[in-house]
Protein backbone atom coordinates (compact mmCIF):
# COMPACT_ATOMS: atom_id res chain seq x y z
CA MET A 1 -12.79 4.84 -6.64
CA THR A 2 -13.04 4.31 -10.37
CA GLU A 3 -13.26 0.68 -11.37
CA SER A 4 -10.81 -0.56 -13.95
CA VAL A 5 -12.21 -3.30 -16.16
CA GLY A 6 -10.74 -6.69 -15.30
CA GLN A 7 -8.56 -5.47 -12.43
CA PRO A 8 -9.41 -6.59 -8.89
CA ALA A 9 -10.29 -3.81 -6.46
CA TYR A 10 -7.39 -4.65 -4.15
CA GLN A 11 -4.94 -4.08 -7.00
CA LEU A 12 -6.44 -0.64 -7.64
CA VAL A 13 -6.10 0.27 -3.96
CA ALA A 14 -2.54 -1.10 -3.87
CA ALA A 15 -1.62 0.87 -7.01
CA ASP A 16 -2.96 4.10 -5.51
CA LEU A 17 -1.15 3.54 -2.21
CA ARG A 18 2.04 2.69 -4.15
CA GLN A 19 1.75 6.00 -6.01
CA LYS A 20 1.23 7.89 -2.73
CA ILE A 21 4.36 6.24 -1.30
CA ALA A 22 6.34 7.06 -4.46
CA SER A 23 5.25 10.71 -4.32
CA ALA A 24 6.15 10.91 -0.60
CA GLU A 25 2.56 11.65 0.40
CA PHE A 26 3.30 8.71 2.71
CA PRO A 27 7.05 9.05 3.35
CA VAL A 28 9.30 6.22 4.53
CA GLY A 29 8.79 5.68 8.25
CA SER A 30 5.29 7.13 8.33
CA ALA A 31 2.15 5.19 9.20
CA ILE A 32 -0.45 4.65 6.51
CA PRO A 33 -4.08 5.40 7.43
CA SER A 34 -5.99 2.78 9.41
CA THR A 35 -7.90 0.00 7.70
CA ALA A 36 -11.16 1.75 8.65
CA ALA A 37 -9.97 5.03 7.13
CA LEU A 38 -8.84 3.29 3.94
CA THR A 39 -12.17 1.46 3.54
CA GLU A 40 -13.93 4.81 3.78
CA THR A 41 -11.48 6.59 1.46
CA TYR A 42 -11.68 3.97 -1.28
CA GLY A 43 -15.26 2.82 -0.72
CA VAL A 44 -14.23 -0.83 -0.49
CA SER A 45 -14.48 -3.63 2.05
CA VAL A 46 -12.02 -4.42 4.81
CA THR A 47 -11.08 -7.56 2.86
CA VAL A 48 -10.05 -5.48 -0.16
CA VAL A 49 -7.94 -3.12 1.98
CA ARG A 50 -6.25 -6.03 3.77
CA ALA A 51 -5.45 -7.69 0.43
CA ALA A 52 -3.91 -4.44 -0.88
CA ILE A 53 -1.79 -4.07 2.27
CA THR A 54 -0.72 -7.72 2.04
CA GLN A 55 0.39 -7.13 -1.55
CA LEU A 56 2.39 -4.04 -0.62
CA ARG A 57 3.98 -5.87 2.31
CA ALA A 58 4.99 -8.70 -0.03
CA ASP A 59 6.45 -6.11 -2.40
CA GLY A 60 8.59 -4.74 0.45
CA LEU A 61 6.90 -1.34 0.64
CA LEU A 62 5.08 -1.73 3.95
CA ILE A 63 5.82 -3.33 7.29
CA GLY A 64 3.34 -4.14 10.03
CA ARG A 65 4.13 -3.49 13.67
CA PRO A 66 1.68 -5.33 15.94
CA GLY A 67 -0.20 -2.93 18.16
CA LYS A 68 1.30 0.08 16.35
CA GLY A 69 0.04 0.01 12.76
CA VAL A 70 1.39 -0.40 9.25
CA PHE A 71 4.32 1.75 8.20
CA VAL A 72 6.05 2.66 4.96
CA ARG A 73 9.22 0.60 4.79
CA SER A 74 10.58 1.61 1.39
CA THR A 75 9.74 3.45 -1.81
CA PRO A 76 9.00 1.63 -5.09
CA ALA A 77 12.20 3.08 -6.55
CA THR A 78 14.33 1.74 -3.69
CA VAL A 79 12.75 -1.71 -3.98
CA ALA A 80 13.44 -1.69 -7.75
CA GLU A 81 17.06 -0.63 -7.17
CA ARG A 82 17.56 -3.48 -4.68
CA ALA A 83 16.10 -5.97 -7.17
CA ILE A 84 18.46 -4.79 -9.92
CA SER A 85 21.55 -4.95 -7.71
CA VAL A 86 20.89 -8.52 -6.52
């Protein structure tokens, strides 16, 4: 993963995952890769991956299901539309 000056690693991971959700590489309802797979893919620590997932959950894009995994809940565009209509 290419480091962006002044941007925490978890934000870079979150931004890439957000883009993959927006492009339907990870469609709504699908599971995202495991924490272990994401640490390997991005070359970061488990802490960084967990922080990125926490951010995307707070943004309304992901939802965790205990014992099942983390799933795509919504696209960035849908979240933005909901925010505008409120």
